[in-house]
Amino acid sequence: MLIILLLLAMIFNVGAQMILKAGISKIDMSRIDLDTLFKVVTSLHIWIGAFAYGMSFIIYIFALSKGELSKISPVSQALTIIGIVAVSVLFFNEPVTWFKLIGIALLIAGTVIIFQ
């Protein structure tokens, strides 16, 4: 049950960041003024992203109730980082580098070790 909660929290977290990135890409952020702030605050993408973050938070709270913080937090963060790298490459055409691949391998190894 714990791993399902962590995976769901990660999916909502990564989804929120994807939606926020897509939404903020449509707004000219070259200057910060009231007009820009208004566009950000009234963006549907921003609100949907905030809702997805909220769902991630609620699911994460349930996960915290099921286990040790010293295991849950690092695993949750590693899953999110791995998800973000995958989404960045697949949907935002960001490059896959050796450093990213090595980092992901280390995260996976560390996550497995910590979760034991």
PDB file of N, CA and C in Angstrom:
ATOM      1  N   MET A   1       0.820  -1.200   0.000  1.00  0.00           N
ATOM      2  CA  MET A   1       0.000   0.000   0.000  1.00  0.00           C
ATOM      3  C   MET A   1       0.859   1.257   0.000  1.00  0.00           C
ATOM      4  N   LEU A   2       1.957   1.227   0.758  1.00  0.00           N
ATOM      5  CA  LEU A   2       2.830   2.399   0.848  1.00  0.00           C
ATOM      6  C   LEU A   2       3.416   2.770  -0.503  1.00  0.00           C
ATOM      7  N   ILE A   3       3.893   1.795  -1.233  1.00  0.00           N
ATOM      8  CA  ILE A   3       4.504   2.090  -2.531  1.00  0.00           C
ATOM      9  C   ILE A   3       3.468   2.642  -3.504  1.00  0.00           C
ATOM     10  N   ILE A   4       2.230   2.176  -3.420  1.00  0.00           N
ATOM     11  CA  ILE A   4       1.162   2.700  -4.277  1.00  0.00           C
ATOM     12  C   ILE A   4       0.907   4.171  -3.957  1.00  0.00           C
ATOM     13  N   LEU A   5       0.861   4.496  -2.664  1.00  0.00           N
ATOM     14  CA  LEU A   5       0.672   5.893  -2.264  1.00  0.00           C
ATOM     15  C   LEU A   5       1.816   6.769  -2.755  1.00  0.00           C
ATOM     16  N   LEU A   6       3.039   6.274  -2.620  1.00  0.00           N
ATOM     17  CA  LEU A   6       4.192   7.053  -3.075  1.00  0.00           C
ATOM     18  C   LEU A   6       4.179   7.242  -4.588  1.00  0.00           C
ATOM     19  N   LEU A   7       3.796   6.213  -5.317  1.00  0.00           N
ATOM     20  CA  LEU A   7       3.710   6.334  -6.777  1.00  0.00           C
ATOM     21  C   LEU A   7       2.607   7.308  -7.194  1.00  0.00           C
ATOM     22  N   LEU A   8       1.467   7.252  -6.520  1.00  0.00           N
ATOM     23  CA  LEU A   8       0.388   8.204  -6.816  1.00  0.00           C
ATOM     24  C   LEU A   8       0.797   9.635  -6.509  1.00  0.00           C
ATOM     25  N   ALA A   9       1.451   9.834  -5.376  1.00  0.00           N
ATOM     26  CA  ALA A   9       1.926  11.175  -5.025  1.00  0.00           C
ATOM     27  C   ALA A   9       2.913  11.675  -6.076  1.00  0.00           C
ATOM     28  N   MET A  10       3.793  10.797  -6.529  1.00  0.00           N
ATOM     29  CA  MET A  10       4.761  11.168  -7.548  1.00  0.00           C
ATOM     30  C   MET A  10       4.073  11.519  -8.865  1.00  0.00           C
ATOM     31  N   ILE A  11       3.080  10.744  -9.246  1.00  0.00           N
ATOM     32  CA  ILE A  11       2.361  11.017 -10.497  1.00  0.00           C
ATOM     33  C   ILE A  11       1.693  12.392 -10.448  1.00  0.00           C
ATOM     34  N   PHE A  12       1.039  12.701  -9.343  1.00  0.00           N
ATOM     35  CA  PHE A  12       0.409  14.015  -9.217  1.00  0.00           C
ATOM     36  C   PHE A  12       1.457  15.131  -9.176  1.00  0.00           C
ATOM     37  N   ASN A  13       2.576  14.903  -8.481  1.00  0.00           N
ATOM     38  CA  ASN A  13       3.630  15.908  -8.389  1.00  0.00           C
ATOM     39  C   ASN A  13       4.236  16.176  -9.760  1.00  0.00           C
ATOM     40  N   VAL A  14       4.590  15.134 -10.471  1.00  0.00           N
ATOM     41  CA  VAL A  14       5.179  15.283 -11.800  1.00  0.00           C
ATOM     42  C   VAL A  14       4.158  15.891 -12.761  1.00  0.00           C
ATOM     43  N   GLY A  15       2.913  15.443 -12.668  1.00  0.00           N
ATOM     44  CA  GLY A  15       1.860  16.022 -13.503  1.00  0.00           C
ATOM     45  C   GLY A  15       1.696  17.509 -13.245  1.00  0.00           C
ATOM     46  N   ALA A  16       1.749  17.893 -11.988  1.00  0.00           N
ATOM     47  CA  ALA A  16       1.631  19.316 -11.632  1.00  0.00           C
ATOM     48  C   ALA A  16       2.763  20.111 -12.269  1.00  0.00           C
ATOM     49  N   GLN A  17       3.968  19.604 -12.186  1.00  0.00           N
ATOM     50  CA  GLN A  17       5.101  20.331 -12.747  1.00  0.00           C
ATOM     51  C   GLN A  17       5.033  20.412 -14.266  1.00  0.00           C
ATOM     52  N   MET A  18       4.535  19.357 -14.916  1.00  0.00           N
ATOM     53  CA  MET A  18       4.344  19.397 -16.368  1.00  0.00           C
ATOM     54  C   MET A  18       3.332  20.470 -16.749  1.00  0.00           C
ATOM     55  N   ILE A  19       2.222  20.491 -16.047  1.00  0.00           N
ATOM     56  CA  ILE A  19       1.159  21.458 -16.338  1.00  0.00           C
ATOM     57  C   ILE A  19       1.643  22.877 -16.086  1.00  0.00           C
ATOM     58  N   LEU A  20       2.358  23.081 -14.982  1.00  0.00           N
ATOM     59  CA  LEU A  20       2.891  24.411 -14.676  1.00  0.00           C
ATOM     60  C   LEU A  20       3.894  24.860 -15.734  1.00  0.00           C
ATOM     61  N   LYS A  21       4.760  23.956 -16.163  1.00  0.00           N
ATOM     62  CA  LYS A  21       5.741  24.293 -17.201  1.00  0.00           C
ATOM     63  C   LYS A  21       5.043  24.652 -18.505  1.00  0.00           C
ATOM     64  N   ALA A  22       4.043  23.872 -18.889  1.00  0.00           N
ATOM     65  CA  ALA A  22       3.301  24.168 -20.115  1.00  0.00           C
ATOM     66  C   ALA A  22       2.586  25.512 -20.006  1.00  0.00           C
ATOM     67  N   GLY A  23       2.001  25.787 -18.842  1.00  0.00           N
ATOM     68  CA  GLY A  23       1.278  27.039 -18.658  1.00  0.00           C
ATOM     69  C   GLY A  23       2.187  28.250 -18.621  1.00  0.00           C
ATOM     70  N   ILE A  24       3.285  28.147 -17.909  1.00  0.00           N
ATOM     71  CA  ILE A  24       4.175  29.295 -17.775  1.00  0.00           C
ATOM     72  C   ILE A  24       4.921  29.575 -19.072  1.00  0.00           C
ATOM     73  N   SER A  25       5.040  28.565 -19.925  1.00  0.00           N
ATOM     74  CA  SER A  25       5.687  28.757 -21.228  1.00  0.00           C
ATOM     75  C   SER A  25       4.853  29.654 -22.141  1.00  0.00           C
ATOM     76  N   LYS A  26       3.568  29.773 -21.846  1.00  0.00           N
ATOM     77  CA  LYS A  26       2.682  30.604 -22.658  1.00  0.00           C
ATOM     78  C   LYS A  26       2.632  32.053 -22.184  1.00  0.00           C
ATOM     79  N   ILE A  27       3.324  32.347 -21.084  1.00  0.00           N
ATOM     80  CA  ILE A  27       3.300  33.691 -20.516  1.00  0.00           C
ATOM     81  C   ILE A  27       4.686  34.304 -20.645  1.00  0.00           C
ATOM     82  N   ASP A  28       4.737  35.540 -21.122  1.00  0.00           N
ATOM     83  CA  ASP A  28       6.010  36.253 -21.242  1.00  0.00           C
ATOM     84  C   ASP A  28       6.482  36.655 -19.846  1.00  0.00           C
ATOM     85  N   MET A  29       7.545  35.994 -19.391  1.00  0.00           N
ATOM     86  CA  MET A  29       8.068  36.247 -18.051  1.00  0.00           C
ATOM     87  C   MET A  29       9.323  37.119 -18.083  1.00  0.00           C
ATOM     88  N   SER A  30       9.524  37.852 -19.193  1.00  0.00           N
ATOM     89  CA  SER A  30      10.730  38.667 -19.311  1.00  0.00           C
ATOM     90  C   SER A  30      10.725  39.839 -18.340  1.00  0.00           C
ATOM     91  N   ARG A  31       9.548  40.241 -17.909  1.00  0.00           N
ATOM     92  CA  ARG A  31       9.460  41.289 -16.894  1.00  0.00           C
ATOM     93  C   ARG A  31       8.387  40.890 -15.887  1.00  0.00           C
ATOM     94  N   ILE A  32       8.560  41.353 -14.693  1.00  0.00           N
ATOM     95  CA  ILE A  32       7.587  41.054 -13.656  1.00  0.00           C
ATOM     96  C   ILE A  32       6.877  42.344 -13.295  1.00  0.00           C
ATOM     97  N   ASP A  33       5.615  42.411 -13.684  1.00  0.00           N
ATOM     98  CA  ASP A  33       4.785  43.572 -13.379  1.00  0.00           C
ATOM     99  C   ASP A  33       3.373  43.085 -13.083  1.00  0.00           C
ATOM    100  N   LEU A  34       2.452  43.998 -12.869  1.00  0.00           N
ATOM    101  CA  LEU A  34       1.084  43.602 -12.524  1.00  0.00           C
ATOM    102  C   LEU A  34       0.405  42.829 -13.647  1.00  0.00           C
ATOM    103  N   ASP A  35       0.690  43.190 -14.880  1.00  0.00           N
ATOM    104  CA  ASP A  35       0.083  42.481 -16.010  1.00  0.00           C
ATOM    105  C   ASP A  35       0.552  41.021 -16.046  1.00  0.00           C
ATOM    106  N   THR A  36       1.847  40.819 -15.864  1.00  0.00           N
ATOM    107  CA  THR A  36       2.388  39.457 -15.838  1.00  0.00           C
ATOM    108  C   THR A  36       1.816  38.677 -14.661  1.00  0.00           C
ATOM    109  N   LEU A  37       1.791  39.301 -13.506  1.00  0.00           N
ATOM    110  CA  LEU A  37       1.229  38.653 -12.317  1.00  0.00           C
ATOM    111  C   LEU A  37      -0.231  38.278 -12.543  1.00  0.00           C
ATOM    112  N   PHE A  38      -0.998  39.160 -13.173  1.00  0.00           N
ATOM    113  CA  PHE A  38      -2.402  38.875 -13.474  1.00  0.00           C
ATOM    114  C   PHE A  38      -2.526  37.665 -14.400  1.00  0.00           C
ATOM    115  N   LYS A  39      -1.670  37.599 -15.419  1.00  0.00           N
ATOM    116  CA  LYS A  39      -1.703  36.460 -16.345  1.00  0.00           C
ATOM    117  C   LYS A  39      -1.386  35.151 -15.626  1.00  0.00           C
ATOM    118  N   VAL A  40      -0.425  35.198 -14.705  1.00  0.00           N
ATOM    119  CA  VAL A  40      -0.066  33.993 -13.953  1.00  0.00           C
ATOM    120  C   VAL A  40      -1.222  33.569 -13.059  1.00  0.00           C
ATOM    121  N   VAL A  41      -1.788  34.518 -12.329  1.00  0.00           N
ATOM    122  CA  VAL A  41      -2.843  34.210 -11.362  1.00  0.00           C
ATOM    123  C   VAL A  41      -4.129  33.749 -12.040  1.00  0.00           C
ATOM    124  N   THR A  42      -4.367  34.191 -13.259  1.00  0.00           N
ATOM    125  CA  THR A  42      -5.595  33.814 -13.952  1.00  0.00           C
ATOM    126  C   THR A  42      -5.405  32.659 -14.939  1.00  0.00           C
ATOM    127  N   SER A  43      -4.211  32.088 -14.988  1.00  0.00           N
ATOM    128  CA  SER A  43      -3.938  30.989 -15.914  1.00  0.00           C
ATOM    129  C   SER A  43      -4.596  29.699 -15.416  1.00  0.00           C
ATOM    130  N   LEU A  44      -5.363  29.067 -16.280  1.00  0.00           N
ATOM    131  CA  LEU A  44      -5.989  27.794 -15.946  1.00  0.00           C
ATOM    132  C   LEU A  44      -4.926  26.727 -15.672  1.00  0.00           C
ATOM    133  N   HIS A  45      -3.846  26.751 -16.434  1.00  0.00           N
ATOM    134  CA  HIS A  45      -2.760  25.794 -16.210  1.00  0.00           C
ATOM    135  C   HIS A  45      -2.203  25.919 -14.792  1.00  0.00           C
ATOM    136  N   ILE A  46      -2.015  27.139 -14.334  1.00  0.00           N
ATOM    137  CA  ILE A  46      -1.458  27.356 -12.997  1.00  0.00           C
ATOM    138  C   ILE A  46      -2.406  26.789 -11.943  1.00  0.00           C
ATOM    139  N   TRP A  47      -3.694  27.026 -12.105  1.00  0.00           N
ATOM    140  CA  TRP A  47      -4.666  26.523 -11.129  1.00  0.00           C
ATOM    141  C   TRP A  47      -4.763  24.992 -11.146  1.00  0.00           C
ATOM    142  N   ILE A  48      -4.739  24.410 -12.329  1.00  0.00           N
ATOM    143  CA  ILE A  48      -4.776  22.943 -12.419  1.00  0.00           C
ATOM    144  C   ILE A  48      -3.495  22.361 -11.818  1.00  0.00           C
ATOM    145  N   GLY A  49      -2.353  22.998 -12.104  1.00  0.00           N
ATOM    146  CA  GLY A  49      -1.094  22.553 -11.519  1.00  0.00           C
ATOM    147  C   GLY A  49      -1.116  22.642  -9.999  1.00  0.00           C
ATOM    148  N   ALA A  50      -1.677  23.723  -9.473  1.00  0.00           N
ATOM    149  CA  ALA A  50      -1.775  23.876  -8.017  1.00  0.00           C
ATOM    150  C   ALA A  50      -2.682  22.797  -7.420  1.00  0.00           C
ATOM    151  N   PHE A  51      -3.769  22.495  -8.099  1.00  0.00           N
ATOM    152  CA  PHE A  51      -4.658  21.427  -7.635  1.00  0.00           C
ATOM    153  C   PHE A  51      -3.928  20.082  -7.619  1.00  0.00           C
ATOM    154  N   ALA A  52      -3.172  19.804  -8.678  1.00  0.00           N
ATOM    155  CA  ALA A  52      -2.423  18.543  -8.744  1.00  0.00           C
ATOM    156  C   ALA A  52      -1.380  18.477  -7.622  1.00  0.00           C
ATOM    157  N   TYR A  53      -0.720  19.598  -7.331  1.00  0.00           N
ATOM    158  CA  TYR A  53       0.208  19.633  -6.199  1.00  0.00           C
ATOM    159  C   TYR A  53      -0.521  19.337  -4.895  1.00  0.00           C
ATOM    160  N   GLY A  54      -1.703  19.911  -4.757  1.00  0.00           N
ATOM    161  CA  GLY A  54      -2.498  19.656  -3.551  1.00  0.00           C
ATOM    162  C   GLY A  54      -2.840  18.187  -3.403  1.00  0.00           C
ATOM    163  N   MET A  55      -3.217  17.554  -4.497  1.00  0.00           N
ATOM    164  CA  MET A  55      -3.519  16.120  -4.457  1.00  0.00           C
ATOM    165  C   MET A  55      -2.263  15.325  -4.081  1.00  0.00           C
ATOM    166  N   SER A  56      -1.136  15.707  -4.639  1.00  0.00           N
ATOM    167  CA  SER A  56       0.126  15.047  -4.305  1.00  0.00           C
ATOM    168  C   SER A  56       0.410  15.172  -2.814  1.00  0.00           C
ATOM    169  N   PHE A  57       0.196  16.347  -2.270  1.00  0.00           N
ATOM    170  CA  PHE A  57       0.431  16.602  -0.841  1.00  0.00           C
ATOM    171  C   PHE A  57      -0.464  15.727   0.032  1.00  0.00           C
ATOM    172  N   ILE A  58      -1.727  15.655  -0.314  1.00  0.00           N
ATOM    173  CA  ILE A  58      -2.674  14.856   0.480  1.00  0.00           C
ATOM    174  C   ILE A  58      -2.293  13.374   0.446  1.00  0.00           C
ATOM    175  N   ILE A  59      -1.963  12.877  -0.728  1.00  0.00           N
ATOM    176  CA  ILE A  59      -1.569  11.466  -0.843  1.00  0.00           C
ATOM    177  C   ILE A  59      -0.267  11.229  -0.085  1.00  0.00           C
ATOM    178  N   TYR A  60       0.660  12.176  -0.158  1.00  0.00           N
ATOM    179  CA  TYR A  60       1.930  12.049   0.564  1.00  0.00           C
ATOM    180  C   TYR A  60       1.701  11.994   2.074  1.00  0.00           C
ATOM    181  N   ILE A  61       0.759  12.765   2.577  1.00  0.00           N
ATOM    182  CA  ILE A  61       0.418  12.734   4.009  1.00  0.00           C
ATOM    183  C   ILE A  61      -0.057  11.332   4.406  1.00  0.00           C
ATOM    184  N   PHE A  62      -0.884  10.723   3.566  1.00  0.00           N
ATOM    185  CA  PHE A  62      -1.325   9.346   3.837  1.00  0.00           C
ATOM    186  C   PHE A  62      -0.128   8.394   3.840  1.00  0.00           C
ATOM    187  N   ALA A  63       0.802   8.593   2.900  1.00  0.00           N
ATOM    188  CA  ALA A  63       1.996   7.739   2.860  1.00  0.00           C
ATOM    189  C   ALA A  63       2.817   7.901   4.140  1.00  0.00           C
ATOM    190  N   LEU A  64       2.936   9.132   4.613  1.00  0.00           N
ATOM    191  CA  LEU A  64       3.693   9.371   5.850  1.00  0.00           C
ATOM    192  C   LEU A  64       3.088   8.632   7.041  1.00  0.00           C
ATOM    193  N   SER A  65       1.777   8.473   7.020  1.00  0.00           N
ATOM    194  CA  SER A  65       1.122   7.780   8.139  1.00  0.00           C
ATOM    195  C   SER A  65       1.389   6.276   8.116  1.00  0.00           C
ATOM    196  N   LYS A  66       1.932   5.770   7.001  1.00  0.00           N
ATOM    197  CA  LYS A  66       2.131   4.323   6.833  1.00  0.00           C
ATOM    198  C   LYS A  66       3.558   3.851   7.091  1.00  0.00           C
ATOM    199  N   GLY A  67       4.484   4.781   7.339  1.00  0.00           N
ATOM    200  CA  GLY A  67       5.859   4.323   7.491  1.00  0.00           C
ATOM    201  C   GLY A  67       6.779   5.356   8.090  1.00  0.00           C
ATOM    202  N   GLU A  68       8.062   5.060   8.009  1.00  0.00           N
ATOM    203  CA  GLU A  68       9.090   5.897   8.598  1.00  0.00           C
ATOM    204  C   GLU A  68       9.436   7.079   7.687  1.00  0.00           C
ATOM    205  N   LEU A  69       9.516   8.257   8.269  1.00  0.00           N
ATOM    206  CA  LEU A  69       9.883   9.456   7.519  1.00  0.00           C
ATOM    207  C   LEU A  69      11.246   9.292   6.861  1.00  0.00           C
ATOM    208  N   SER A  70      12.192   8.656   7.555  1.00  0.00           N
ATOM    209  CA  SER A  70      13.550   8.495   7.021  1.00  0.00           C
ATOM    210  C   SER A  70      13.593   7.602   5.780  1.00  0.00           C
ATOM    211  N   LYS A  71      12.556   6.837   5.549  1.00  0.00           N
ATOM    212  CA  LYS A  71      12.460   6.024   4.330  1.00  0.00           C
ATOM    213  C   LYS A  71      11.559   6.697   3.297  1.00  0.00           C
ATOM    214  N   ILE A  72      10.431   7.196   3.749  1.00  0.00           N
ATOM    215  CA  ILE A  72       9.419   7.718   2.832  1.00  0.00           C
ATOM    216  C   ILE A  72       9.890   8.968   2.102  1.00  0.00           C
ATOM    217  N   SER A  73      10.462   9.920   2.811  1.00  0.00           N
ATOM    218  CA  SER A  73      10.865  11.175   2.182  1.00  0.00           C
ATOM    219  C   SER A  73      11.927  10.985   1.102  1.00  0.00           C
ATOM    220  N   PRO A  74      13.029  10.290   1.376  1.00  0.00           N
ATOM    221  CA  PRO A  74      14.015  10.107   0.303  1.00  0.00           C
ATOM    222  C   PRO A  74      13.473   9.334  -0.897  1.00  0.00           C
ATOM    223  N   VAL A  75      12.668   8.321  -0.634  1.00  0.00           N
ATOM    224  CA  VAL A  75      12.092   7.534  -1.731  1.00  0.00           C
ATOM    225  C   VAL A  75      11.155   8.407  -2.560  1.00  0.00           C
ATOM    226  N   SER A  76      10.327   9.191  -1.892  1.00  0.00           N
ATOM    227  CA  SER A  76       9.401  10.078  -2.586  1.00  0.00           C
ATOM    228  C   SER A  76      10.147  11.085  -3.454  1.00  0.00           C
ATOM    229  N   GLN A  77      11.185  11.665  -2.910  1.00  0.00           N
ATOM    230  CA  GLN A  77      11.950  12.652  -3.667  1.00  0.00           C
ATOM    231  C   GLN A  77      12.675  12.018  -4.846  1.00  0.00           C
ATOM    232  N   ALA A  78      13.224  10.825  -4.647  1.00  0.00           N
ATOM    233  CA  ALA A  78      13.913  10.139  -5.742  1.00  0.00           C
ATOM    234  C   ALA A  78      12.933   9.784  -6.863  1.00  0.00           C
ATOM    235  N   LEU A  79      11.768   9.275  -6.495  1.00  0.00           N
ATOM    236  CA  LEU A  79      10.761   8.946  -7.507  1.00  0.00           C
ATOM    237  C   LEU A  79      10.359  10.191  -8.304  1.00  0.00           C
ATOM    238  N   THR A  80      10.195  11.298  -7.612  1.00  0.00           N
ATOM    239  CA  THR A  80       9.818  12.546  -8.281  1.00  0.00           C
ATOM    240  C   THR A  80      10.912  13.009  -9.227  1.00  0.00           C
ATOM    241  N   ILE A  81      12.157  12.955  -8.790  1.00  0.00           N
ATOM    242  CA  ILE A  81      13.265  13.370  -9.657  1.00  0.00           C
ATOM    243  C   ILE A  81      13.336  12.493 -10.896  1.00  0.00           C
ATOM    244  N   ILE A  82      13.222  11.197 -10.725  1.00  0.00           N
ATOM    245  CA  ILE A  82      13.259  10.277 -11.863  1.00  0.00           C
ATOM    246  C   ILE A  82      12.090  10.572 -12.809  1.00  0.00           C
ATOM    247  N   GLY A  83      10.908  10.801 -12.243  1.00  0.00           N
ATOM    248  CA  GLY A  83       9.739  11.142 -13.063  1.00  0.00           C
ATOM    249  C   GLY A  83       9.924  12.445 -13.823  1.00  0.00           C
ATOM    250  N   ILE A  84      10.499  13.449 -13.167  1.00  0.00           N
ATOM    251  CA  ILE A  84      10.717  14.746 -13.815  1.00  0.00           C
ATOM    252  C   ILE A  84      11.711  14.621 -14.960  1.00  0.00           C
ATOM    253  N   VAL A  85      12.780  13.887 -14.759  1.00  0.00           N
ATOM    254  CA  VAL A  85      13.755  13.707 -15.833  1.00  0.00           C
ATOM    255  C   VAL A  85      13.096  13.001 -17.019  1.00  0.00           C
ATOM    256  N   ALA A  86      12.315  11.969 -16.753  1.00  0.00           N
ATOM    257  CA  ALA A  86      11.643  11.245 -17.835  1.00  0.00           C
ATOM    258  C   ALA A  86      10.677  12.152 -18.594  1.00  0.00           C
ATOM    259  N   VAL A  87       9.882  12.909 -17.872  1.00  0.00           N
ATOM    260  CA  VAL A  87       8.918  13.824 -18.499  1.00  0.00           C
ATOM    261  C   VAL A  87       9.638  14.918 -19.285  1.00  0.00           C
ATOM    262  N   SER A  88      10.719  15.434 -18.722  1.00  0.00           N
ATOM    263  CA  SER A  88      11.482  16.488 -19.395  1.00  0.00           C
ATOM    264  C   SER A  88      12.017  16.018 -20.739  1.00  0.00           C
ATOM    265  N   VAL A  89      12.486  14.790 -20.772  1.00  0.00           N
ATOM    266  CA  VAL A  89      13.029  14.227 -22.009  1.00  0.00           C
ATOM    267  C   VAL A  89      11.906  13.916 -22.994  1.00  0.00           C
ATOM    268  N   LEU A  90      10.833  13.290 -22.501  1.00  0.00           N
ATOM    269  CA  LEU A  90       9.762  12.838 -23.395  1.00  0.00           C
ATOM    270  C   LEU A  90       8.872  13.962 -23.917  1.00  0.00           C
ATOM    271  N   PHE A  91       8.530  14.919 -23.055  1.00  0.00           N
ATOM    272  CA  PHE A  91       7.540  15.927 -23.437  1.00  0.00           C
ATOM    273  C   PHE A  91       8.124  17.307 -23.729  1.00  0.00           C
ATOM    274  N   PHE A  92       9.286  17.600 -23.161  1.00  0.00           N
ATOM    275  CA  PHE A  92       9.866  18.927 -23.352  1.00  0.00           C
ATOM    276  C   PHE A  92      11.167  18.875 -24.149  1.00  0.00           C
ATOM    277  N   ASN A  93      11.461  17.697 -24.702  1.00  0.00           N
ATOM    278  CA  ASN A  93      12.613  17.505 -25.592  1.00  0.00           C
ATOM    279  C   ASN A  93      13.931  17.970 -24.979  1.00  0.00           C
ATOM    280  N   GLU A  94      14.080  17.789 -23.680  1.00  0.00           N
ATOM    281  CA  GLU A  94      15.340  18.112 -23.033  1.00  0.00           C
ATOM    282  C   GLU A  94      16.317  16.970 -23.297  1.00  0.00           C
ATOM    283  N   PRO A  95      17.604  17.276 -23.352  1.00  0.00           N
ATOM    284  CA  PRO A  95      18.582  16.243 -23.724  1.00  0.00           C
ATOM    285  C   PRO A  95      18.791  15.205 -22.623  1.00  0.00           C
ATOM    286  N   VAL A  96      19.091  13.988 -23.068  1.00  0.00           N
ATOM    287  CA  VAL A  96      19.517  12.929 -22.153  1.00  0.00           C
ATOM    288  C   VAL A  96      21.038  12.979 -22.133  1.00  0.00           C
ATOM    289  N   THR A  97      21.597  13.210 -20.954  1.00  0.00           N
ATOM    290  CA  THR A  97      23.057  13.261 -20.846  1.00  0.00           C
ATOM    291  C   THR A  97      23.539  12.091 -19.994  1.00  0.00           C
ATOM    292  N   TRP A  98      24.830  11.818 -20.098  1.00  0.00           N
ATOM    293  CA  TRP A  98      25.406  10.758 -19.271  1.00  0.00           C
ATOM    294  C   TRP A  98      25.267  11.092 -17.793  1.00  0.00           C
ATOM    295  N   PHE A  99      25.389  12.371 -17.462  1.00  0.00           N
ATOM    296  CA  PHE A  99      25.251  12.769 -16.063  1.00  0.00           C
ATOM    297  C   PHE A  99      23.840  12.478 -15.543  1.00  0.00           C
ATOM    298  N   LYS A 100      22.840  12.727 -16.378  1.00  0.00           N
ATOM    299  CA  LYS A 100      21.462  12.414 -15.969  1.00  0.00           C
ATOM    300  C   LYS A 100      21.289  10.906 -15.786  1.00  0.00           C
ATOM    301  N   LEU A 101      21.810  10.125 -16.707  1.00  0.00           N
ATOM    302  CA  LEU A 101      21.687   8.668 -16.609  1.00  0.00           C
ATOM    303  C   LEU A 101      22.410   8.133 -15.380  1.00  0.00           C
ATOM    304  N   ILE A 102      23.597   8.641 -15.115  1.00  0.00           N
ATOM    305  CA  ILE A 102      24.338   8.216 -13.924  1.00  0.00           C
ATOM    306  C   ILE A 102      23.585   8.643 -12.663  1.00  0.00           C
ATOM    307  N   GLY A 103      23.062   9.855 -12.676  1.00  0.00           N
ATOM    308  CA  GLY A 103      22.291  10.331 -11.528  1.00  0.00           C
ATOM    309  C   GLY A 103      21.066   9.485 -11.257  1.00  0.00           C
ATOM    310  N   ILE A 104      20.356   9.117 -12.311  1.00  0.00           N
ATOM    311  CA  ILE A 104      19.181   8.266 -12.152  1.00  0.00           C
ATOM    312  C   ILE A 104      19.579   6.896 -11.606  1.00  0.00           C
ATOM    313  N   ALA A 105      20.664   6.336 -12.123  1.00  0.00           N
ATOM    314  CA  ALA A 105      21.128   5.032 -11.630  1.00  0.00           C
ATOM    315  C   ALA A 105      21.479   5.112 -10.143  1.00  0.00           C
ATOM    316  N   LEU A 106      22.141   6.187  -9.743  1.00  0.00           N
ATOM    317  CA  LEU A 106      22.480   6.364  -8.327  1.00  0.00           C
ATOM    318  C   LEU A 106      21.230   6.561  -7.474  1.00  0.00           C
ATOM    319  N   LEU A 107      20.257   7.320  -7.998  1.00  0.00           N
ATOM    320  CA  LEU A 107      19.000   7.495  -7.262  1.00  0.00           C
ATOM    321  C   LEU A 107      18.278   6.168  -7.067  1.00  0.00           C
ATOM    322  N   ILE A 108      18.223   5.378  -8.118  1.00  0.00           N
ATOM    323  CA  ILE A 108      17.561   4.075  -8.014  1.00  0.00           C
ATOM    324  C   ILE A 108      18.283   3.194  -6.998  1.00  0.00           C
ATOM    325  N   ALA A 109      19.606   3.140  -7.084  1.00  0.00           N
ATOM    326  CA  ALA A 109      20.383   2.332  -6.134  1.00  0.00           C
ATOM    327  C   ALA A 109      20.161   2.828  -4.711  1.00  0.00           C
ATOM    328  N   GLY A 110      20.233   4.132  -4.505  1.00  0.00           N
ATOM    329  CA  GLY A 110      20.036   4.694  -3.178  1.00  0.00           C
ATOM    330  C   GLY A 110      18.638   4.453  -2.650  1.00  0.00           C
ATOM    331  N   THR A 111      17.648   4.561  -3.532  1.00  0.00           N
ATOM    332  CA  THR A 111      16.257   4.343  -3.125  1.00  0.00           C
ATOM    333  C   THR A 111      16.046   2.904  -2.675  1.00  0.00           C
ATOM    334  N   VAL A 112      16.586   1.968  -3.419  1.00  0.00           N
ATOM    335  CA  VAL A 112      16.458   0.559  -3.062  1.00  0.00           C
ATOM    336  C   VAL A 112      17.122   0.311  -1.715  1.00  0.00           C
ATOM    337  N   ILE A 113      18.303   0.876  -1.530  1.00  0.00           N
ATOM    338  CA  ILE A 113      19.027   0.671  -0.256  1.00  0.00           C
ATOM    339  C   ILE A 113      18.268   1.279   0.911  1.00  0.00           C
ATOM    340  N   ILE A 114      17.792   2.513   0.761  1.00  0.00           N
ATOM    341  CA  ILE A 114      17.092   3.196   1.857  1.00  0.00           C
ATOM    342  C   ILE A 114      15.770   2.501   2.173  1.00  0.00           C
ATOM    343  N   PHE A 115      15.069   2.033   1.174  1.00  0.00           N
ATOM    344  CA  PHE A 115      13.740   1.463   1.377  1.00  0.00           C
ATOM    345  C   PHE A 115      13.796   0.088   2.065  1.00  0.00           C
ATOM    346  N   GLN A 116      14.952  -0.556   2.090  1.00  0.00           N
ATOM    347  CA  GLN A 116      15.078  -1.872   2.730  1.00  0.00           C
ATOM    348  C   GLN A 116      14.995  -1.770   4.228  1.00  0.00           C
TER     349      GLN A 116
END
